[in-house]
C-alpha atoms as a PDB file:
ATOM      1  CA  MET A   1      10.615   8.170 -33.158  1.00  0.00           C
ATOM      2  CA  HIS A   2       8.099  10.445 -31.616  1.00  0.00           C
ATOM      3  CA  ALA A   3       9.670  13.737 -29.841  1.00  0.00           C
ATOM      4  CA  LYS A   4       8.013  16.884 -28.517  1.00  0.00           C
ATOM      5  CA  THR A   5       8.431  19.693 -26.190  1.00  0.00           C
ATOM      6  CA  LEU A   6       5.937  20.183 -23.294  1.00  0.00           C
ATOM      7  CA  GLN A   7       5.171  22.175 -20.827  1.00  0.00           C
ATOM      8  CA  ILE A   8       4.318  20.784 -17.252  1.00  0.00           C
ATOM      9  CA  PRO A   9       1.772  22.253 -14.598  1.00  0.00           C
ATOM     10  CA  THR A  10       3.598  22.532 -11.346  1.00  0.00           C
ATOM     11  CA  ALA A  11       3.131  24.616  -8.043  1.00  0.00           C
ATOM     12  CA  ASP A  12       5.237  27.488  -9.146  1.00  0.00           C
ATOM     13  CA  GLY A  13       4.382  27.858 -13.126  1.00  0.00           C
ATOM     14  CA  HIS A  14       5.161  25.339 -16.106  1.00  0.00           C
ATOM     15  CA  ALA A  15       8.354  23.655 -16.350  1.00  0.00           C
ATOM     16  CA  ASP A  16       9.318  22.540 -20.027  1.00  0.00           C
ATOM     17  CA  ALA A  17      10.332  19.473 -20.927  1.00  0.00           C
ATOM     18  CA  PHE A  18      11.285  17.075 -23.590  1.00  0.00           C
ATOM     19  CA  ALA A  19       9.438  13.885 -24.450  1.00  0.00           C
ATOM     20  CA  ALA A  20      10.630  10.769 -26.776  1.00  0.00           C
ATOM     21  CA  PHE A  21       8.293   7.806 -26.939  1.00  0.00           C
ATOM     22  CA  PRO A  22       8.348   4.647 -29.916  1.00  0.00           C
ATOM     23  CA  ASP A  23       6.858   6.017 -33.220  1.00  0.00           C
ATOM     24  CA  HIS A  24       4.664   2.473 -33.094  1.00  0.00           C
ATOM     25  CA  SER A  25       0.936   2.885 -31.728  1.00  0.00           C
ATOM     26  CA  GLY A  26       0.040   1.873 -28.245  1.00  0.00           C
ATOM     27  CA  GLN A  27       1.175   2.490 -24.483  1.00  0.00           C
ATOM     28  CA  HIS A  28       4.743   2.553 -23.078  1.00  0.00           C
ATOM     29  CA  PRO A  29       6.199   2.337 -19.462  1.00  0.00           C
ATOM     30  CA  GLY A  30       7.193   5.729 -18.860  1.00  0.00           C
ATOM     31  CA  VAL A  31      10.647   7.165 -17.421  1.00  0.00           C
ATOM     32  CA  LEU A  32      11.696  10.260 -16.129  1.00  0.00           C
ATOM     33  CA  MET A  33      14.860  11.082 -16.765  1.00  0.00           C
ATOM     34  CA  TYR A  34      16.374  14.308 -14.808  1.00  0.00           C
ATOM     35  CA  PRO A  35      19.469  15.685 -16.728  1.00  0.00           C
ATOM     36  CA  ASP A  36      22.985  16.416 -15.169  1.00  0.00           C
ATOM     37  CA  GLY A  37      23.419  20.281 -13.648  1.00  0.00           C
ATOM     38  CA  PHE A  38      23.984  21.952 -16.972  1.00  0.00           C
ATOM     39  CA  GLY A  39      20.448  20.983 -17.823  1.00  0.00           C
ATOM     40  CA  LEU A  40      18.203  19.909 -21.067  1.00  0.00           C
ATOM     41  CA  ARG A  41      20.285  20.391 -23.990  1.00  0.00           C
ATOM     42  CA  PRO A  42      20.462  18.592 -27.137  1.00  0.00           C
ATOM     43  CA  VAL A  43      22.704  15.589 -25.760  1.00  0.00           C
ATOM     44  CA  LEU A  44      19.905  14.962 -23.091  1.00  0.00           C
ATOM     45  CA  ARG A  45      17.214  14.827 -26.118  1.00  0.00           C
ATOM     46  CA  ASP A  46      19.607  12.223 -27.724  1.00  0.00           C
ATOM     47  CA  MET A  47      20.198  10.174 -24.747  1.00  0.00           C
ATOM     48  CA  ALA A  48      16.201  10.524 -24.096  1.00  0.00           C
ATOM     49  CA  ARG A  49      15.694   9.568 -27.679  1.00  0.00           C
ATOM     50  CA  GLU A  50      18.089   6.452 -27.274  1.00  0.00           C
ATOM     51  CA  LEU A  51      16.370   5.198 -24.210  1.00  0.00           C
ATOM     52  CA  ALA A  52      12.960   5.387 -25.921  1.00  0.00           C
ATOM     53  CA  GLY A  53      14.041   3.508 -29.058  1.00  0.00           C
ATOM     54  CA  HIS A  54      14.056   0.534 -26.507  1.00  0.00           C
ATOM     55  CA  GLY A  55      10.274   1.147 -25.848  1.00  0.00           C
ATOM     56  CA  TYR A  56       9.985   3.532 -23.625  1.00  0.00           C
ATOM     57  CA  TYR A  57       8.182   7.057 -22.919  1.00  0.00           C
ATOM     58  CA  VAL A  58      11.251   9.557 -21.723  1.00  0.00           C
ATOM     59  CA  LEU A  59      10.243  12.661 -20.193  1.00  0.00           C
ATOM     60  CA  VAL A  60      13.086  14.891 -19.520  1.00  0.00           C
ATOM     61  CA  PRO A  61      11.975  18.504 -17.707  1.00  0.00           C
ATOM     62  CA  ASN A  62      14.080  21.465 -16.993  1.00  0.00           C
ATOM     63  CA  VAL A  63      14.524  21.427 -13.376  1.00  0.00           C
ATOM     64  CA  PHE A  64      15.404  25.208 -13.134  1.00  0.00           C
ATOM     65  CA  TYR A  65      12.448  26.322 -14.747  1.00  0.00           C
ATOM     66  CA  ARG A  66      11.930  28.866 -12.350  1.00  0.00           C
ATOM     67  CA  HIS A  67      15.158  30.791 -14.017  1.00  0.00           C
ATOM     68  CA  GLY A  68      13.407  30.493 -17.296  1.00  0.00           C
ATOM     69  CA  PRO A  69      12.994  27.714 -20.171  1.00  0.00           C
ATOM     70  CA  ALA A  70      15.871  25.642 -21.344  1.00  0.00           C
ATOM     71  CA  PRO A  71      18.608  26.210 -22.066  1.00  0.00           C
ATOM     72  CA  VAL A  72      19.040  28.208 -18.769  1.00  0.00           C
ATOM     73  CA  LEU A  73      22.461  28.532 -18.979  1.00  0.00           C
ATOM     74  CA  ASP A  74      24.506  29.648 -22.297  1.00  0.00           C
ATOM     75  CA  VAL A  75      26.179  26.382 -22.672  1.00  0.00           C
ATOM     76  CA  PRO A  76      28.715  25.774 -25.344  1.00  0.00           C
ATOM     77  CA  GLU A  77      28.406  23.081 -27.752  1.00  0.00           C
ATOM     78  CA  HIS A  78      31.667  21.372 -25.924  1.00  0.00           C
ATOM     79  CA  ILE A  79      31.692  21.866 -22.023  1.00  0.00           C
ATOM     80  CA  GLY A  80      35.492  21.716 -21.646  1.00  0.00           C
ATOM     81  CA  GLY A  81      37.709  23.022 -18.491  1.00  0.00           C
ATOM     82  CA  GLU A  82      37.989  26.582 -19.505  1.00  0.00           C
ATOM     83  CA  ALA A  83      34.139  26.938 -19.893  1.00  0.00           C
ATOM     84  CA  ARG A  84      33.332  25.404 -16.489  1.00  0.00           C
ATOM     85  CA  PRO A  85      34.088  28.218 -13.867  1.00  0.00           C
ATOM     86  CA  ALA A  86      31.846  30.767 -15.366  1.00  0.00           C
ATOM     87  CA  LEU A  87      29.023  28.217 -15.784  1.00  0.00           C
ATOM     88  CA  PHE A  88      29.304  27.053 -11.857  1.00  0.00           C
ATOM     89  CA  ALA A  89      29.224  30.617 -10.944  1.00  0.00           C
ATOM     90  CA  GLN A  90      26.053  30.983 -12.857  1.00  0.00           C
ATOM     91  CA  LEU A  91      24.693  27.290 -11.726  1.00  0.00           C
ATOM     92  CA  MET A  92      25.679  26.867  -7.803  1.00  0.00           C
ATOM     93  CA  PRO A  93      22.967  29.863  -7.328  1.00  0.00           C
ATOM     94  CA  MET A  94      20.429  27.859  -8.602  1.00  0.00           C
ATOM     95  CA  ILE A  95      21.300  24.499  -7.169  1.00  0.00           C
ATOM     96  CA  GLU A  96      21.014  26.220  -3.616  1.00  0.00           C
ATOM     97  CA  ALA A  97      17.806  27.829  -4.540  1.00  0.00           C
ATOM     98  CA  HIS A  98      16.571  24.235  -5.529  1.00  0.00           C
ATOM     99  CA  THR A  99      15.542  22.974  -1.664  1.00  0.00           C
ATOM    100  CA  THR A 100      14.240  19.842  -0.747  1.00  0.00           C
ATOM    101  CA  GLU A 101      10.802  21.493  -0.961  1.00  0.00           C
ATOM    102  CA  ARG A 102      11.273  22.110  -4.644  1.00  0.00           C
ATOM    103  CA  ILE A 103      12.423  19.080  -5.215  1.00  0.00           C
ATOM    104  CA  VAL A 104       9.526  17.190  -3.673  1.00  0.00           C
ATOM    105  CA  ALA A 105       6.989  19.505  -5.164  1.00  0.00           C
ATOM    106  CA  ASP A 106       8.128  19.204  -8.938  1.00  0.00           C
ATOM    107  CA  ALA A 107       8.674  15.223  -8.397  1.00  0.00           C
ATOM    108  CA  ASP A 108       4.781  15.163  -7.490  1.00  0.00           C
ATOM    109  CA  ALA A 109       4.086  17.329 -10.680  1.00  0.00           C
ATOM    110  CA  PHE A 110       6.811  15.579 -12.733  1.00  0.00           C
ATOM    111  CA  VAL A 111       5.492  12.193 -11.948  1.00  0.00           C
ATOM    112  CA  ASN A 112       1.742  12.837 -12.173  1.00  0.00           C
ATOM    113  CA  PHE A 113       2.426  14.271 -15.701  1.00  0.00           C
ATOM    114  CA  LEU A 114       4.148  11.528 -16.847  1.00  0.00           C
ATOM    115  CA  THR A 115       1.475   8.945 -15.658  1.00  0.00           C
ATOM    116  CA  ALA A 116      -1.000  10.908 -17.343  1.00  0.00           C
ATOM    117  CA  GLN A 117       0.184  11.339 -20.922  1.00  0.00           C
ATOM    118  CA  PRO A 118      -1.854   8.901 -22.916  1.00  0.00           C
ATOM    119  CA  GLU A 119       1.486   6.817 -24.654  1.00  0.00           C
ATOM    120  CA  VAL A 120       2.145   5.918 -20.929  1.00  0.00           C
ATOM    121  CA  GLY A 121       1.031   2.532 -19.751  1.00  0.00           C
ATOM    122  CA  ALA A 122      -0.585   1.902 -16.540  1.00  0.00           C
ATOM    123  CA  GLY A 123       1.868   0.545 -13.800  1.00  0.00           C
ATOM    124  CA  PRO A 124       5.043   1.756 -12.297  1.00  0.00           C
ATOM    125  CA  VAL A 125       7.638   3.977 -13.549  1.00  0.00           C
ATOM    126  CA  ALA A 126      11.265   4.764 -13.519  1.00  0.00           C
ATOM    127  CA  VAL A 127      13.492   7.105 -12.884  1.00  0.00           C
ATOM    128  CA  THR A 128      17.020   8.077 -13.866  1.00  0.00           C
ATOM    129  CA  GLY A 129      19.029  11.030 -13.329  1.00  0.00           C
ATOM    130  CA  TYR A 130      22.895  12.233 -14.172  1.00  0.00           C
ATOM    131  CA  CYS A 131      25.096  14.133 -11.551  1.00  0.00           C
ATOM    132  CA  ILE A 132      22.783  16.234  -9.734  1.00  0.00           C
ATOM    133  CA  GLY A 133      20.015  14.528 -11.633  1.00  0.00           C
ATOM    134  CA  GLY A 134      21.137  11.192  -9.757  1.00  0.00           C
ATOM    135  CA  LEU A 135      20.056  12.655  -6.532  1.00  0.00           C
ATOM    136  CA  LEU A 136      16.681  14.104  -7.575  1.00  0.00           C
ATOM    137  CA  ALA A 137      16.014  10.878  -9.022  1.00  0.00           C
ATOM    138  CA  MET A 138      16.924   9.298  -5.547  1.00  0.00           C
ATOM    139  CA  ARG A 139      14.599  11.496  -3.845  1.00  0.00           C
ATOM    140  CA  THR A 140      12.021  11.313  -6.207  1.00  0.00           C
ATOM    141  CA  ALA A 141      11.856   7.599  -5.923  1.00  0.00           C
ATOM    142  CA  ALA A 142      11.963   8.355  -2.113  1.00  0.00           C
ATOM    143  CA  ALA A 143       8.949  10.693  -2.146  1.00  0.00           C
ATOM    144  CA  HIS A 144       6.874   8.022  -4.414  1.00  0.00           C
ATOM    145  CA  PRO A 145       7.450   4.298  -2.806  1.00  0.00           C
ATOM    146  CA  GLY A 146       5.134   1.947  -4.630  1.00  0.00           C
ATOM    147  CA  GLN A 147       4.831   3.928  -7.821  1.00  0.00           C
ATOM    148  CA  VAL A 148       8.684   4.160  -8.986  1.00  0.00           C
ATOM    149  CA  ALA A 149       9.810   0.812  -9.696  1.00  0.00           C
ATOM    150  CA  ALA A 150      13.540   1.356 -10.523  1.00  0.00           C
ATOM    151  CA  VAL A 151      15.823   4.404 -10.128  1.00  0.00           C
ATOM    152  CA  ALA A 152      19.471   4.818 -11.287  1.00  0.00           C
ATOM    153  CA  GLY A 153      21.785   7.384 -10.787  1.00  0.00           C
ATOM    154  CA  PHE A 154      24.999   8.023 -12.423  1.00  0.00           C
ATOM    155  CA  HIS A 155      27.953   9.952 -11.338  1.00  0.00           C
ATOM    156  CA  SER A 156      25.509  11.225  -8.591  1.00  0.00           C
ATOM    157  CA  PRO A 157      25.793  12.941  -5.106  1.00  0.00           C
ATOM    158  CA  PRO A 158      24.884  10.754  -2.010  1.00  0.00           C
ATOM    159  CA  VAL A 159      21.033  10.973  -0.660  1.00  0.00           C
ATOM    160  CA  GLU A 160      20.562  11.346   2.618  1.00  0.00           C
ATOM    161  CA  ALA A 161      19.830   7.945   4.843  1.00  0.00           C
ATOM    162  CA  ASP A 162      16.131   9.093   5.436  1.00  0.00           C
ATOM    163  CA  SER A 163      15.317   9.142   1.894  1.00  0.00           C
ATOM    164  CA  LEU A 164      16.958   5.902   1.339  1.00  0.00           C
ATOM    165  CA  ARG A 165      14.721   4.381   3.842  1.00  0.00           C
ATOM    166  CA  ARG A 166      11.670   5.260   2.021  1.00  0.00           C
ATOM    167  CA  ILE A 167      12.679   3.795  -1.355  1.00  0.00           C
ATOM    168  CA  THR A 168      10.818   0.783  -2.331  1.00  0.00           C
ATOM    169  CA  ALA A 169      12.207   0.574  -5.920  1.00  0.00           C
ATOM    170  CA  GLU A 170      15.075  -1.277  -7.361  1.00  0.00           C
ATOM    171  CA  VAL A 171      18.058   0.886  -6.981  1.00  0.00           C
ATOM    172  CA  TYR A 172      21.315   1.317  -9.279  1.00  0.00           C
ATOM    173  CA  LEU A 173      24.203   3.393  -8.848  1.00  0.00           C
ATOM    174  CA  GLY A 174      26.904   4.250 -11.112  1.00  0.00           C
ATOM    175  CA  HIS A 175      30.086   6.086  -9.626  1.00  0.00           C
ATOM    176  CA  ALA A 176      32.865   7.848 -11.406  1.00  0.00           C
ATOM    177  CA  ALA A 177      36.353   6.618  -9.664  1.00  0.00           C
ATOM    178  CA  SER A 178      37.286  10.138  -9.331  1.00  0.00           C
ATOM    179  CA  ASP A 179      34.213  10.582  -6.723  1.00  0.00           C
ATOM    180  CA  LEU A 180      34.217   7.525  -4.388  1.00  0.00           C
ATOM    181  CA  THR A 181      37.118   5.458  -3.605  1.00  0.00           C
ATOM    182  CA  PRO A 182      36.801   1.869  -2.968  1.00  0.00           C
ATOM    183  CA  GLU A 183      36.583   2.051   1.111  1.00  0.00           C
ATOM    184  CA  ALA A 184      34.015   5.261   0.383  1.00  0.00           C
ATOM    185  CA  LEU A 185      32.163   2.865  -1.952  1.00  0.00           C
ATOM    186  CA  SER A 186      32.114   0.150   0.775  1.00  0.00           C
ATOM    187  CA  GLY A 187      30.618   2.765   3.633  1.00  0.00           C
ATOM    188  CA  LEU A 188      27.848   3.899   1.243  1.00  0.00           C
ATOM    189  CA  ASN A 189      26.993   0.252   0.450  1.00  0.00           C
ATOM    190  CA  GLN A 190      26.570  -0.451   4.148  1.00  0.00           C
ATOM    191  CA  THR A 191      24.191   2.314   4.479  1.00  0.00           C
ATOM    192  CA  LEU A 192      22.560   0.689   1.523  1.00  0.00           C
ATOM    193  CA  ASP A 193      22.478  -2.431   2.845  1.00  0.00           C
ATOM    194  CA  ALA A 194      21.049  -0.823   6.244  1.00  0.00           C
ATOM    195  CA  ALA A 195      18.146   0.645   4.340  1.00  0.00           C
ATOM    196  CA  GLU A 196      17.171  -3.021   3.139  1.00  0.00           C
ATOM    197  CA  LEU A 197      17.070  -1.775  -0.296  1.00  0.00           C
ATOM    198  CA  ARG A 198      17.566  -4.009  -3.425  1.00  0.00           C
ATOM    199  CA  TYR A 199      20.122  -2.398  -5.294  1.00  0.00           C
ATOM    200  CA  THR A 200      23.610  -2.569  -7.160  1.00  0.00           C
ATOM    201  CA  SER A 201      26.421   0.123  -6.640  1.00  0.00           C
ATOM    202  CA  GLU A 202      29.674   0.183  -8.426  1.00  0.00           C
ATOM    203  CA  ILE A 203      32.496   2.519  -9.224  1.00  0.00           C
ATOM    204  CA  TYR A 204      33.373   2.974 -12.942  1.00  0.00           C
ATOM    205  CA  PRO A 205      36.911   2.402 -13.447  1.00  0.00           C
ATOM    206  CA  GLY A 206      39.138   4.906 -15.076  1.00  0.00           C
ATOM    207  CA  THR A 207      36.029   7.473 -14.810  1.00  0.00           C
ATOM    208  CA  ILE A 208      35.727  10.802 -13.841  1.00  0.00           C
ATOM    209  CA  HIS A 209      32.388  12.801 -12.402  1.00  0.00           C
ATOM    210  CA  GLY A 210      30.403  13.279 -15.449  1.00  0.00           C
ATOM    211  CA  PHE A 211      31.500  10.460 -17.727  1.00  0.00           C
ATOM    212  CA  THR A 212      28.219   9.937 -19.292  1.00  0.00           C
ATOM    213  CA  ILE A 213      27.748  12.895 -21.159  1.00  0.00           C
ATOM    214  CA  ALA A 214      28.831  13.273 -24.388  1.00  0.00           C
ATOM    215  CA  ASP A 215      29.343  16.883 -24.708  1.00  0.00           C
ATOM    216  CA  THR A 216      31.872  17.268 -21.732  1.00  0.00           C
ATOM    217  CA  ASP A 217      35.951  16.621 -21.483  1.00  0.00           C
ATOM    218  CA  ALA A 218      34.593  14.125 -18.893  1.00  0.00           C
ATOM    219  CA  PHE A 219      32.810  11.808 -21.302  1.00  0.00           C
ATOM    220  CA  HIS A 220      33.928   7.729 -21.291  1.00  0.00           C
ATOM    221  CA  PRO A 221      32.521   6.330 -24.320  1.00  0.00           C
ATOM    222  CA  THR A 222      33.296   2.736 -22.597  1.00  0.00           C
ATOM    223  CA  ALA A 223      31.872   3.793 -19.434  1.00  0.00           C
ATOM    224  CA  LEU A 224      28.376   5.633 -21.506  1.00  0.00           C
ATOM    225  CA  GLN A 225      27.946   2.048 -23.212  1.00  0.00           C
ATOM    226  CA  ARG A 226      28.478   0.301 -19.689  1.00  0.00           C
ATOM    227  CA  HIS A 227      25.635   2.684 -18.166  1.00  0.00           C
ATOM    228  CA  TRP A 228      23.175   1.401 -20.870  1.00  0.00           C
ATOM    229  CA  ASP A 229      24.490  -2.385 -20.056  1.00  0.00           C
ATOM    230  CA  ARG A 230      23.156  -1.558 -16.804  1.00  0.00           C
ATOM    231  CA  LEU A 231      20.383   0.796 -17.199  1.00  0.00           C
ATOM    232  CA  LEU A 232      18.223  -1.225 -19.594  1.00  0.00           C
ATOM    233  CA  PRO A 233      18.124  -4.925 -17.679  1.00  0.00           C
ATOM    234  CA  LEU A 234      16.942  -2.919 -14.658  1.00  0.00           C
ATOM    235  CA  LEU A 235      14.283  -1.349 -16.538  1.00  0.00           C
ATOM    236  CA  GLY A 236      13.276  -4.363 -18.162  1.00  0.00           C
ATOM    237  CA  ARG A 237      13.508  -6.066 -14.889  1.00  0.00           C
ATOM    238  CA  THR A 238      11.040  -3.719 -13.258  1.00  0.00           C
ATOM    239  CA  LEU A 239       8.721  -2.528 -16.233  1.00  0.00           C
ATOM    240  CA  VAL A 240       6.657  -3.766 -18.903  1.00  0.00           C
ATOM    241  CA  THR A 241       6.767  -3.075 -22.319  1.00  0.00           C
ATOM    242  CA  ASP A 242       4.252  -3.615 -25.146  1.00  0.00           C
END
């Protein structure tokens, strides 16, 4: 497995990023992976390596690079409930400053950088994300119809209907049971139907927000495996591996 730290040129400077890809020669389909709100850190690097092991070039950007290189927040090795209030006090101003204009400009930079890498093959890419990263993934897919073939969001906030209507990718959404009731899921799926998307949208039973992320109290190992069981076939259907 190859792994390296990169600098992505953007309209506002450079975003540091982590990339992982198979150690055999050749080109691989590209996957842009957006981290959760706590940012690029060891657990996200591990998830990128896991996905890269299945034949993909995975790029994980520091989406809050305007506030400094990762780790932007002083995140403990394990994020327990007692650490969250202080972390969210630092995080929320960065989220509020991350406007739609910044999201779209960064998405352009990230996708262009990913597809320009010599280890990434020609053809469409996929985008996946966790928590707020799922929202960024959906907006990236909306901004790059035809170029993004698959998009997945896990325990992520909803995206506006206007963005949904511009997505041409196949969509997968995995929701935490604490985030969405069955009734709310039905309403969301009606919105996805109205946008004429090809999608799967489901609740992971017994989970709370953040269930995929192993360095938090929300982590649910069975749900993480289910996430891989959904994500890998999605990528397999939509991207071509060598």
